[in-house]
C-alpha cells in the first residue's frame, strides 16, 4: 500500500492511499472531518485527485452533517462517570447480546463461530473471515430494532465477506426490504 498525505487548498488534510485491495476510487470522511481517498493499483494518483475534486462539494456537505451531529451530542462525561457508564453498558451488553444473536441466528438460519462483546468505538460490529462476530457495547444505546439490524448485517458477513450486491440482497431480504431505510436511521446515531 502506498500512502501520501497533503494539504488540499479547499479540503485541508487529505490522505491518498493506493491499495491492492481497493476495487474502485472511494472517499471516506471520518468523524473528525479528515478525508481519505483509496484507489486501486491500476488507477493513477492524478485520476484519484480528479475524483477528489469532483466530490469536493459532497465532502463539505458530509463534514457539515458530521459537525451538526457532533454538536447535538451531549457533553463528554467526567472520567469517573464515563468509566461507570462503560461498565453499565458492558453488563447490559453481556446480558442482552448473546441471547439476541442466538435468536437472530436461529431465525435467519445463519451460523457464526463465536461472539465477543467489546467497547469498540469505531464500528457497531464486525465479522472475521472465520465467522467470529464482535459486537460493540455501544449497541446498547440503540433502539432494539437497530441492534437486530446490526447483528443481522454481521451474520450476513458469515456468508458474504464483503459488501457486494449479493451481501446487500441477503441483508435486505432478511430485514424485509428495509435495509436502506435502516442504514439511514443507523447513521443518525453515533458510537459514544
N, C-alpha and C. Protein backbone atom coordinates (compact mmCIF):
# COMPACT_ATOMS: atom_id res chain seq x y z
N UNK A 1 0.85 -1.17 0.00
CA UNK A 1 0.00 0.00 0.00
C UNK A 1 0.90 1.24 0.00
N UNK A 2 0.54 2.22 -0.82
CA UNK A 2 1.25 3.48 -0.88
C UNK A 2 0.35 4.56 -0.30
N UNK A 3 0.86 5.27 0.71
CA UNK A 3 0.07 6.30 1.38
C UNK A 3 0.81 7.63 1.34
N UNK A 4 0.09 8.69 1.01
CA UNK A 4 0.65 10.04 1.00
C UNK A 4 -0.38 11.00 1.54
N UNK A 5 0.07 11.96 2.35
CA UNK A 5 -0.84 12.97 2.89
C UNK A 5 -0.42 14.34 2.37
N UNK A 6 -1.41 15.20 2.15
CA UNK A 6 -1.12 16.56 1.70
C UNK A 6 -2.23 17.49 2.15
N UNK A 7 -1.94 18.80 2.11
CA UNK A 7 -2.94 19.81 2.46
C UNK A 7 -3.60 20.29 1.18
N UNK A 8 -4.88 20.01 1.07
CA UNK A 8 -5.67 20.45 -0.08
C UNK A 8 -6.11 21.89 0.20
N UNK A 9 -6.07 22.79 -0.78
CA UNK A 9 -6.42 24.19 -0.52
C UNK A 9 -7.85 24.39 -0.03
N UNK A 10 -8.76 23.54 -0.43
CA UNK A 10 -10.17 23.69 -0.03
C UNK A 10 -10.56 22.74 1.09
N UNK A 11 -10.00 21.52 1.07
CA UNK A 11 -10.45 20.46 1.97
C UNK A 11 -9.53 20.20 3.16
N UNK A 12 -8.37 20.84 3.18
CA UNK A 12 -7.43 20.62 4.29
C UNK A 12 -6.69 19.30 4.13
N UNK A 13 -6.42 18.64 5.25
CA UNK A 13 -5.63 17.40 5.26
C UNK A 13 -6.35 16.27 4.51
N UNK A 14 -5.68 15.73 3.48
CA UNK A 14 -6.22 14.61 2.70
C UNK A 14 -5.17 13.51 2.65
N UNK A 15 -5.60 12.28 2.84
CA UNK A 15 -4.71 11.13 2.74
C UNK A 15 -5.07 10.36 1.47
N UNK A 16 -4.06 10.11 0.63
CA UNK A 16 -4.23 9.29 -0.57
C UNK A 16 -3.64 7.92 -0.29
N UNK A 17 -4.40 6.88 -0.52
CA UNK A 17 -3.93 5.51 -0.25
C UNK A 17 -4.19 4.63 -1.46
N UNK A 18 -3.10 4.24 -2.12
CA UNK A 18 -3.23 3.31 -3.25
C UNK A 18 -3.07 1.91 -2.68
N UNK A 19 -4.10 1.09 -2.84
CA UNK A 19 -4.15 -0.20 -2.18
C UNK A 19 -4.47 -1.32 -3.16
N UNK A 20 -3.80 -2.45 -3.03
CA UNK A 20 -4.14 -3.59 -3.90
C UNK A 20 -5.53 -4.16 -3.58
N UNK A 21 -6.07 -3.86 -2.40
CA UNK A 21 -7.39 -4.36 -2.02
C UNK A 21 -8.52 -3.50 -2.57
N UNK A 22 -8.21 -2.25 -2.92
CA UNK A 22 -9.25 -1.35 -3.43
C UNK A 22 -9.72 -1.81 -4.80
N UNK A 23 -11.02 -1.74 -5.02
CA UNK A 23 -11.59 -2.14 -6.31
C UNK A 23 -11.99 -0.93 -7.15
N UNK A 24 -12.12 0.22 -6.48
CA UNK A 24 -12.53 1.45 -7.16
C UNK A 24 -12.02 2.62 -6.33
N UNK A 25 -12.18 3.82 -6.84
CA UNK A 25 -11.81 5.00 -6.07
C UNK A 25 -12.92 5.23 -5.04
N UNK A 26 -12.53 5.43 -3.79
CA UNK A 26 -13.50 5.64 -2.72
C UNK A 26 -13.02 6.76 -1.81
N UNK A 27 -13.95 7.56 -1.34
CA UNK A 27 -13.63 8.65 -0.42
C UNK A 27 -14.33 8.37 0.90
N UNK A 28 -13.57 8.53 1.98
CA UNK A 28 -14.14 8.36 3.32
C UNK A 28 -13.88 9.63 4.12
N UNK A 29 -14.92 10.17 4.70
CA UNK A 29 -14.80 11.33 5.56
C UNK A 29 -15.00 10.84 6.98
N UNK A 30 -13.97 10.95 7.79
CA UNK A 30 -14.04 10.47 9.17
C UNK A 30 -14.80 11.46 10.05
N UNK A 31 -15.19 11.02 11.23
CA UNK A 31 -15.99 11.84 12.14
C UNK A 31 -15.32 13.18 12.43
N UNK A 32 -14.00 13.20 12.51
CA UNK A 32 -13.28 14.44 12.80
C UNK A 32 -13.17 15.34 11.56
N UNK A 33 -13.62 14.84 10.40
CA UNK A 33 -13.59 15.64 9.18
C UNK A 33 -12.43 15.34 8.25
N UNK A 34 -11.50 14.47 8.67
CA UNK A 34 -10.37 14.14 7.80
C UNK A 34 -10.86 13.32 6.61
N UNK A 35 -10.16 13.45 5.49
CA UNK A 35 -10.57 12.82 4.24
C UNK A 35 -9.52 11.80 3.82
N UNK A 36 -9.99 10.62 3.42
CA UNK A 36 -9.10 9.57 2.91
C UNK A 36 -9.63 9.13 1.56
N UNK A 37 -8.74 9.12 0.55
CA UNK A 37 -9.08 8.67 -0.79
C UNK A 37 -8.32 7.38 -1.04
N UNK A 38 -9.05 6.29 -1.22
CA UNK A 38 -8.44 4.99 -1.53
C UNK A 38 -8.67 4.70 -2.99
N UNK A 39 -7.66 4.11 -3.64
CA UNK A 39 -7.82 3.78 -5.06
C UNK A 39 -6.95 2.58 -5.41
N UNK A 40 -7.38 1.81 -6.42
CA UNK A 40 -6.65 0.59 -6.79
C UNK A 40 -5.36 0.88 -7.53
N UNK A 41 -4.54 -0.13 -7.64
CA UNK A 41 -3.24 0.00 -8.29
C UNK A 41 -3.32 0.45 -9.74
N UNK A 42 -4.34 0.06 -10.46
CA UNK A 42 -4.43 0.42 -11.87
C UNK A 42 -4.87 1.86 -12.13
N UNK A 43 -5.14 2.60 -11.07
CA UNK A 43 -5.61 3.98 -11.20
C UNK A 43 -4.48 4.92 -10.81
N UNK A 44 -4.28 5.96 -11.61
CA UNK A 44 -3.20 6.91 -11.31
C UNK A 44 -3.59 7.84 -10.17
N UNK A 45 -2.58 8.39 -9.52
CA UNK A 45 -2.81 9.35 -8.45
C UNK A 45 -3.53 10.58 -9.02
N UNK A 46 -3.20 10.94 -10.25
CA UNK A 46 -3.84 12.08 -10.91
C UNK A 46 -5.35 11.85 -11.06
N UNK A 47 -5.74 10.63 -11.44
CA UNK A 47 -7.18 10.31 -11.58
C UNK A 47 -7.86 10.34 -10.22
N UNK A 48 -7.18 9.83 -9.18
CA UNK A 48 -7.75 9.86 -7.83
C UNK A 48 -7.97 11.30 -7.36
N UNK A 49 -6.99 12.17 -7.66
CA UNK A 49 -7.12 13.59 -7.29
C UNK A 49 -8.25 14.27 -8.06
N UNK A 50 -8.42 13.90 -9.33
CA UNK A 50 -9.51 14.47 -10.13
C UNK A 50 -10.86 14.06 -9.53
N UNK A 51 -10.96 12.80 -9.08
CA UNK A 51 -12.17 12.31 -8.44
C UNK A 51 -12.44 13.09 -7.14
N UNK A 52 -11.37 13.35 -6.38
CA UNK A 52 -11.49 14.13 -5.16
C UNK A 52 -12.07 15.51 -5.47
N UNK A 53 -11.56 16.15 -6.53
CA UNK A 53 -12.06 17.48 -6.92
C UNK A 53 -13.53 17.43 -7.30
N UNK A 54 -13.92 16.37 -8.02
CA UNK A 54 -15.32 16.21 -8.42
C UNK A 54 -16.24 16.11 -7.20
N UNK A 55 -15.73 15.54 -6.13
CA UNK A 55 -16.54 15.27 -4.93
C UNK A 55 -16.34 16.29 -3.81
N UNK A 56 -15.63 17.39 -4.07
CA UNK A 56 -15.33 18.37 -3.02
C UNK A 56 -16.60 18.91 -2.36
N UNK A 57 -17.60 19.23 -3.15
CA UNK A 57 -18.84 19.77 -2.58
C UNK A 57 -19.54 18.73 -1.71
N UNK A 58 -19.55 17.48 -2.16
CA UNK A 58 -20.15 16.40 -1.39
C UNK A 58 -19.40 16.24 -0.06
N UNK A 59 -18.06 16.29 -0.10
CA UNK A 59 -17.25 16.15 1.12
C UNK A 59 -17.60 17.25 2.11
N UNK A 60 -17.73 18.48 1.63
CA UNK A 60 -18.08 19.59 2.52
C UNK A 60 -19.46 19.39 3.14
N UNK A 61 -20.39 18.83 2.37
CA UNK A 61 -21.72 18.54 2.91
C UNK A 61 -21.67 17.48 4.00
N UNK A 62 -20.86 16.44 3.78
CA UNK A 62 -20.71 15.39 4.79
C UNK A 62 -20.10 15.99 6.05
N UNK A 63 -19.09 16.83 5.89
CA UNK A 63 -18.47 17.46 7.06
C UNK A 63 -19.48 18.29 7.84
N UNK A 64 -20.35 19.01 7.14
CA UNK A 64 -21.37 19.81 7.82
C UNK A 64 -22.32 18.93 8.61
N UNK A 65 -22.74 17.81 8.01
CA UNK A 65 -23.65 16.90 8.71
C UNK A 65 -22.96 16.28 9.93
N UNK A 66 -21.68 15.91 9.77
CA UNK A 66 -20.94 15.34 10.90
C UNK A 66 -20.77 16.36 12.02
N UNK A 67 -20.49 17.60 11.66
CA UNK A 67 -20.34 18.66 12.67
C UNK A 67 -21.66 18.88 13.41
N UNK A 68 -22.77 18.87 12.68
CA UNK A 68 -24.08 19.05 13.31
C UNK A 68 -24.38 17.89 14.26
N UNK A 69 -24.01 16.69 13.84
CA UNK A 69 -24.24 15.52 14.68
C UNK A 69 -23.40 15.61 15.96
N UNK A 70 -22.13 16.03 15.81
CA UNK A 70 -21.26 16.19 16.99
C UNK A 70 -21.81 17.25 17.93
N UNK A 71 -22.31 18.34 17.37
CA UNK A 71 -22.84 19.43 18.19
C UNK A 71 -24.08 18.97 18.97
N UNK A 72 -24.82 18.03 18.42
CA UNK A 72 -26.03 17.54 19.07
C UNK A 72 -25.75 16.53 20.18
N UNK A 73 -24.51 16.02 20.23
CA UNK A 73 -24.16 15.03 21.25
C UNK A 73 -24.11 15.69 22.63
N UNK A 74 -24.46 14.94 23.65
CA UNK A 74 -24.32 15.50 25.00
C UNK A 74 -22.83 15.71 25.30
N UNK A 75 -22.52 16.62 26.21
CA UNK A 75 -21.10 16.84 26.53
C UNK A 75 -20.48 15.58 27.14
N UNK A 76 -19.18 15.46 26.97
CA UNK A 76 -18.47 14.29 27.50
C UNK A 76 -18.60 14.26 29.02
N UNK A 77 -18.71 13.06 29.55
CA UNK A 77 -18.82 12.89 31.00
C UNK A 77 -17.44 13.00 31.64
N UNK A 78 -17.38 13.36 32.90
CA UNK A 78 -16.10 13.31 33.63
C UNK A 78 -15.60 11.86 33.63
N UNK A 79 -14.28 11.64 33.70
CA UNK A 79 -13.72 10.28 33.57
C UNK A 79 -14.36 9.23 34.47
N UNK A 80 -14.63 9.55 35.73
CA UNK A 80 -15.22 8.55 36.63
C UNK A 80 -16.63 8.16 36.21
N UNK A 81 -17.41 9.15 35.79
CA UNK A 81 -18.76 8.86 35.33
C UNK A 81 -18.74 8.09 34.02
N UNK A 82 -17.81 8.43 33.13
CA UNK A 82 -17.69 7.69 31.87
C UNK A 82 -17.31 6.24 32.13
N UNK A 83 -16.41 6.01 33.07
CA UNK A 83 -16.00 4.64 33.42
C UNK A 83 -17.21 3.84 33.94
N UNK A 84 -18.00 4.48 34.78
CA UNK A 84 -19.21 3.83 35.31
C UNK A 84 -20.20 3.53 34.18
N UNK A 85 -20.38 4.49 33.28
CA UNK A 85 -21.29 4.30 32.13
C UNK A 85 -20.84 3.13 31.27
N UNK A 86 -19.53 3.04 31.01
CA UNK A 86 -18.99 1.94 30.19
C UNK A 86 -19.26 0.61 30.87
N UNK A 87 -19.07 0.53 32.18
CA UNK A 87 -19.32 -0.73 32.89
C UNK A 87 -20.79 -1.11 32.85
N UNK A 88 -21.67 -0.11 32.95
CA UNK A 88 -23.11 -0.39 32.86
C UNK A 88 -23.47 -0.90 31.47
N UNK A 89 -22.92 -0.26 30.44
CA UNK A 89 -23.17 -0.72 29.07
C UNK A 89 -22.62 -2.13 28.86
N UNK A 90 -21.43 -2.40 29.40
CA UNK A 90 -20.83 -3.74 29.25
C UNK A 90 -21.71 -4.80 29.90
N UNK A 91 -22.20 -4.53 31.12
CA UNK A 91 -23.08 -5.50 31.80
C UNK A 91 -24.36 -5.72 30.99
N UNK A 92 -24.95 -4.62 30.52
CA UNK A 92 -26.19 -4.73 29.74
C UNK A 92 -25.95 -5.49 28.44
N UNK A 93 -24.81 -5.22 27.78
CA UNK A 93 -24.50 -5.90 26.52
C UNK A 93 -24.30 -7.39 26.74
N UNK A 94 -23.60 -7.76 27.81
CA UNK A 94 -23.35 -9.18 28.08
C UNK A 94 -24.63 -9.91 28.45
N UNK A 95 -25.59 -9.18 29.01
CA UNK A 95 -26.88 -9.80 29.35
C UNK A 95 -27.78 -9.92 28.12
N UNK A 96 -27.68 -8.97 27.18
CA UNK A 96 -28.61 -8.91 26.05
C UNK A 96 -28.07 -9.54 24.76
N UNK A 97 -26.86 -9.18 24.38
CA UNK A 97 -26.38 -9.51 23.02
C UNK A 97 -26.20 -11.00 22.75
N UNK A 98 -25.69 -11.82 23.69
CA UNK A 98 -25.57 -13.26 23.37
C UNK A 98 -26.93 -13.90 23.06
N UNK A 99 -27.96 -13.58 23.84
CA UNK A 99 -29.29 -14.14 23.57
C UNK A 99 -29.85 -13.60 22.26
N UNK A 100 -29.61 -12.32 22.01
CA UNK A 100 -30.13 -11.68 20.80
C UNK A 100 -29.51 -12.31 19.55
N UNK A 101 -28.19 -12.52 19.53
CA UNK A 101 -27.55 -13.09 18.34
C UNK A 101 -27.97 -14.54 18.15
N UNK A 102 -28.15 -15.27 19.26
CA UNK A 102 -28.62 -16.66 19.16
C UNK A 102 -30.00 -16.71 18.51
N UNK A 103 -30.90 -15.85 18.98
CA UNK A 103 -32.26 -15.80 18.45
C UNK A 103 -32.24 -15.44 16.97
N UNK A 104 -31.45 -14.42 16.60
CA UNK A 104 -31.42 -13.99 15.20
C UNK A 104 -30.74 -15.03 14.30
N UNK A 105 -29.74 -15.72 14.83
CA UNK A 105 -29.10 -16.79 14.05
C UNK A 105 -30.10 -17.91 13.77
N UNK A 106 -30.89 -18.27 14.78
CA UNK A 106 -31.92 -19.31 14.58
C UNK A 106 -32.96 -18.85 13.56
N UNK A 107 -33.42 -17.61 13.70
CA UNK A 107 -34.46 -17.10 12.80
C UNK A 107 -33.99 -17.01 11.36
N UNK A 108 -32.74 -16.64 11.16
CA UNK A 108 -32.22 -16.43 9.80
C UNK A 108 -31.57 -17.69 9.21
N UNK A 109 -31.25 -18.65 10.07
CA UNK A 109 -30.56 -19.86 9.61
C UNK A 109 -29.08 -19.63 9.35
N UNK A 110 -28.54 -18.50 9.83
CA UNK A 110 -27.12 -18.20 9.63
C UNK A 110 -26.33 -18.62 10.86
N UNK A 111 -25.09 -19.05 10.65
CA UNK A 111 -24.26 -19.55 11.74
C UNK A 111 -23.01 -18.69 11.90
N UNK A 112 -22.58 -18.57 13.12
CA UNK A 112 -21.35 -17.84 13.41
C UNK A 112 -20.49 -18.73 14.32
N UNK A 113 -19.18 -18.49 14.31
CA UNK A 113 -18.25 -19.32 15.09
C UNK A 113 -18.34 -18.96 16.58
N UNK A 114 -18.18 -17.67 16.89
CA UNK A 114 -18.29 -17.21 18.27
C UNK A 114 -18.63 -15.73 18.25
N UNK A 115 -19.04 -15.23 19.43
CA UNK A 115 -19.39 -13.82 19.54
C UNK A 115 -18.67 -13.25 20.75
N UNK A 116 -18.08 -12.06 20.56
CA UNK A 116 -17.45 -11.35 21.67
C UNK A 116 -18.08 -9.97 21.78
N UNK A 117 -18.02 -9.42 22.99
CA UNK A 117 -18.53 -8.08 23.26
C UNK A 117 -17.33 -7.21 23.62
N UNK A 118 -17.20 -6.07 22.93
CA UNK A 118 -16.06 -5.18 23.16
C UNK A 118 -16.56 -3.74 23.29
N UNK A 119 -15.69 -2.88 23.79
CA UNK A 119 -16.02 -1.46 23.92
C UNK A 119 -15.55 -0.70 22.67
N UNK A 120 -15.78 -1.28 21.50
CA UNK A 120 -15.33 -0.68 20.23
C UNK A 120 -16.09 0.61 19.96
N UNK A 121 -15.37 1.66 19.58
CA UNK A 121 -15.99 2.95 19.28
C UNK A 121 -15.94 3.27 17.79
N UNK A 122 -15.29 2.41 17.00
CA UNK A 122 -15.18 2.71 15.57
C UNK A 122 -16.26 2.02 14.75
N UNK A 123 -16.77 0.89 15.23
CA UNK A 123 -17.79 0.14 14.49
C UNK A 123 -18.79 -0.46 15.48
N UNK A 124 -20.03 -0.58 15.02
CA UNK A 124 -21.05 -1.23 15.84
C UNK A 124 -20.77 -2.72 15.97
N UNK A 125 -20.20 -3.30 14.92
CA UNK A 125 -19.91 -4.72 14.93
C UNK A 125 -18.96 -5.07 13.81
N UNK A 126 -18.40 -6.28 13.87
CA UNK A 126 -17.52 -6.76 12.80
C UNK A 126 -17.59 -8.28 12.76
N UNK A 127 -17.17 -8.84 11.63
CA UNK A 127 -17.17 -10.28 11.45
C UNK A 127 -15.84 -10.67 10.82
N UNK A 128 -15.15 -11.63 11.42
CA UNK A 128 -13.87 -12.08 10.89
C UNK A 128 -14.10 -13.05 9.73
N UNK A 129 -13.06 -13.32 9.00
CA UNK A 129 -13.14 -14.27 7.90
C UNK A 129 -13.51 -15.68 8.36
N UNK A 130 -13.30 -15.96 9.65
CA UNK A 130 -13.63 -17.27 10.20
C UNK A 130 -15.01 -17.32 10.84
N UNK A 131 -15.78 -16.22 10.68
CA UNK A 131 -17.15 -16.22 11.18
C UNK A 131 -17.31 -15.83 12.64
N UNK A 132 -16.26 -15.23 13.23
CA UNK A 132 -16.38 -14.74 14.61
C UNK A 132 -16.91 -13.31 14.57
N UNK A 133 -17.93 -13.06 15.36
CA UNK A 133 -18.58 -11.76 15.36
C UNK A 133 -18.23 -11.01 16.64
N UNK A 134 -17.85 -9.76 16.48
CA UNK A 134 -17.56 -8.88 17.61
C UNK A 134 -18.60 -7.78 17.60
N UNK A 135 -19.22 -7.55 18.75
CA UNK A 135 -20.26 -6.52 18.87
C UNK A 135 -19.84 -5.48 19.90
N UNK A 136 -20.11 -4.22 19.59
CA UNK A 136 -19.77 -3.12 20.49
C UNK A 136 -20.78 -3.00 21.61
N UNK A 137 -20.30 -2.69 22.80
CA UNK A 137 -21.22 -2.46 23.92
C UNK A 137 -22.12 -1.27 23.65
N UNK A 138 -21.69 -0.39 22.74
CA UNK A 138 -22.48 0.80 22.43
C UNK A 138 -23.73 0.48 21.62
N UNK A 139 -23.88 -0.79 21.19
CA UNK A 139 -25.15 -1.20 20.58
C UNK A 139 -26.29 -1.01 21.56
N UNK A 140 -25.96 -1.04 22.85
CA UNK A 140 -26.99 -0.90 23.88
C UNK A 140 -27.59 0.50 23.90
N UNK A 141 -26.97 1.44 23.20
CA UNK A 141 -27.52 2.81 23.13
C UNK A 141 -28.51 2.95 21.97
N UNK A 142 -28.65 1.89 21.17
CA UNK A 142 -29.54 1.92 20.01
C UNK A 142 -30.91 1.33 20.36
N UNK A 143 -31.94 1.73 19.62
CA UNK A 143 -33.22 1.04 19.77
C UNK A 143 -33.06 -0.44 19.40
N UNK A 144 -33.92 -1.28 19.94
CA UNK A 144 -33.78 -2.73 19.73
C UNK A 144 -33.80 -3.12 18.26
N UNK A 145 -34.64 -2.48 17.44
CA UNK A 145 -34.71 -2.89 16.03
C UNK A 145 -33.39 -2.59 15.31
N UNK A 146 -32.65 -1.55 15.73
CA UNK A 146 -31.36 -1.28 15.11
C UNK A 146 -30.28 -2.22 15.63
N UNK A 147 -30.38 -2.64 16.90
CA UNK A 147 -29.47 -3.68 17.40
C UNK A 147 -29.63 -4.94 16.55
N UNK A 148 -30.88 -5.32 16.33
CA UNK A 148 -31.15 -6.51 15.49
C UNK A 148 -30.58 -6.32 14.09
N UNK A 149 -30.75 -5.14 13.53
CA UNK A 149 -30.25 -4.88 12.18
C UNK A 149 -28.73 -5.04 12.10
N UNK A 150 -28.01 -4.47 13.07
CA UNK A 150 -26.55 -4.58 13.07
C UNK A 150 -26.14 -6.05 13.18
N UNK A 151 -26.80 -6.79 14.03
CA UNK A 151 -26.45 -8.20 14.21
C UNK A 151 -26.76 -8.99 12.94
N UNK A 152 -27.89 -8.74 12.31
CA UNK A 152 -28.20 -9.42 11.04
C UNK A 152 -27.16 -9.07 9.98
N UNK A 153 -26.76 -7.81 9.92
CA UNK A 153 -25.71 -7.37 8.99
C UNK A 153 -24.44 -8.20 9.21
N UNK A 154 -24.03 -8.35 10.47
CA UNK A 154 -22.81 -9.12 10.76
C UNK A 154 -23.00 -10.61 10.48
N UNK A 155 -24.17 -11.15 10.78
CA UNK A 155 -24.43 -12.55 10.45
C UNK A 155 -24.34 -12.80 8.95
N UNK A 156 -24.81 -11.84 8.15
CA UNK A 156 -24.73 -11.98 6.69
C UNK A 156 -23.28 -12.01 6.21
N UNK A 157 -22.37 -11.39 6.98
CA UNK A 157 -20.95 -11.45 6.62
C UNK A 157 -20.37 -12.85 6.80
N UNK A 158 -21.06 -13.73 7.51
CA UNK A 158 -20.57 -15.11 7.61
C UNK A 158 -20.79 -15.85 6.29
N UNK A 159 -21.66 -15.32 5.44
CA UNK A 159 -21.93 -15.89 4.12
C UNK A 159 -21.15 -15.13 3.04
N UNK A 160 -21.22 -13.82 3.08
CA UNK A 160 -20.53 -12.95 2.10
C UNK A 160 -19.59 -12.04 2.88
N UNK A 161 -18.29 -12.25 2.72
CA UNK A 161 -17.29 -11.49 3.48
C UNK A 161 -16.94 -10.17 2.80
N UNK A 162 -17.95 -9.49 2.29
CA UNK A 162 -17.72 -8.23 1.57
C UNK A 162 -19.03 -7.44 1.60
N UNK A 163 -19.08 -6.35 0.88
CA UNK A 163 -20.31 -5.57 0.76
C UNK A 163 -20.79 -5.59 -0.69
N UNK A 164 -20.78 -6.78 -1.25
CA UNK A 164 -21.18 -6.98 -2.64
C UNK A 164 -22.70 -6.87 -2.78
N UNK A 165 -23.19 -6.77 -4.02
CA UNK A 165 -24.64 -6.77 -4.23
C UNK A 165 -25.31 -8.02 -3.63
N UNK A 166 -24.64 -9.16 -3.68
CA UNK A 166 -25.23 -10.38 -3.09
C UNK A 166 -25.37 -10.24 -1.57
N UNK A 167 -24.36 -9.63 -0.94
CA UNK A 167 -24.42 -9.38 0.51
C UNK A 167 -25.62 -8.50 0.83
N UNK A 168 -25.73 -7.36 0.13
CA UNK A 168 -26.82 -6.43 0.41
C UNK A 168 -28.18 -7.04 0.09
N UNK A 169 -28.26 -7.88 -0.92
CA UNK A 169 -29.52 -8.55 -1.25
C UNK A 169 -29.94 -9.48 -0.10
N UNK A 170 -28.96 -10.18 0.49
CA UNK A 170 -29.27 -11.07 1.61
C UNK A 170 -29.73 -10.26 2.83
N UNK A 171 -28.99 -9.19 3.16
CA UNK A 171 -29.40 -8.36 4.30
C UNK A 171 -30.81 -7.81 4.05
N UNK A 172 -31.03 -7.27 2.86
CA UNK A 172 -32.32 -6.67 2.54
C UNK A 172 -33.46 -7.68 2.67
N UNK A 173 -33.22 -8.90 2.20
CA UNK A 173 -34.26 -9.94 2.30
C UNK A 173 -34.55 -10.26 3.77
N UNK A 174 -33.49 -10.34 4.59
CA UNK A 174 -33.68 -10.73 5.99
C UNK A 174 -34.29 -9.62 6.84
N UNK A 175 -34.24 -8.38 6.36
CA UNK A 175 -34.86 -7.27 7.12
C UNK A 175 -36.14 -6.78 6.43
N UNK A 176 -36.71 -7.62 5.60
CA UNK A 176 -38.00 -7.31 4.99
C UNK A 176 -37.97 -6.17 4.00
N UNK A 177 -36.85 -6.03 3.26
CA UNK A 177 -36.76 -5.00 2.24
C UNK A 177 -36.50 -3.61 2.79
N UNK A 178 -36.03 -3.53 4.04
CA UNK A 178 -35.84 -2.23 4.68
C UNK A 178 -34.37 -1.88 4.93
N UNK A 179 -33.44 -2.53 4.24
CA UNK A 179 -32.02 -2.29 4.53
C UNK A 179 -31.65 -0.81 4.39
N UNK A 180 -32.00 -0.19 3.28
CA UNK A 180 -31.60 1.22 3.06
C UNK A 180 -32.21 2.13 4.12
N UNK A 181 -33.45 1.91 4.46
CA UNK A 181 -34.12 2.70 5.48
C UNK A 181 -33.41 2.54 6.83
N UNK A 182 -33.05 1.31 7.19
CA UNK A 182 -32.39 1.05 8.47
C UNK A 182 -30.97 1.64 8.48
N UNK A 183 -30.28 1.57 7.35
CA UNK A 183 -28.94 2.17 7.27
C UNK A 183 -29.04 3.68 7.51
N UNK A 184 -30.01 4.32 6.87
CA UNK A 184 -30.20 5.77 7.06
C UNK A 184 -30.50 6.08 8.53
N UNK A 185 -31.34 5.28 9.14
CA UNK A 185 -31.68 5.52 10.55
C UNK A 185 -30.46 5.31 11.44
N UNK A 186 -29.69 4.25 11.16
CA UNK A 186 -28.50 3.96 11.97
C UNK A 186 -27.48 5.11 11.88
N UNK A 187 -27.41 5.75 10.74
CA UNK A 187 -26.46 6.86 10.57
C UNK A 187 -26.80 8.08 11.41
N UNK A 188 -28.01 8.12 11.95
CA UNK A 188 -28.38 9.24 12.82
C UNK A 188 -27.83 9.05 14.23
N UNK A 189 -27.28 7.89 14.52
CA UNK A 189 -26.68 7.60 15.81
C UNK A 189 -25.16 7.57 15.68
N UNK A 190 -24.48 7.88 16.75
CA UNK A 190 -23.02 7.74 16.72
C UNK A 190 -22.58 6.97 17.95
N UNK A 191 -21.49 6.28 17.79
CA UNK A 191 -20.95 5.48 18.91
C UNK A 191 -20.30 6.44 19.89
N UNK A 192 -20.81 6.43 21.08
CA UNK A 192 -20.22 7.31 22.11
C UNK A 192 -20.61 6.84 23.48
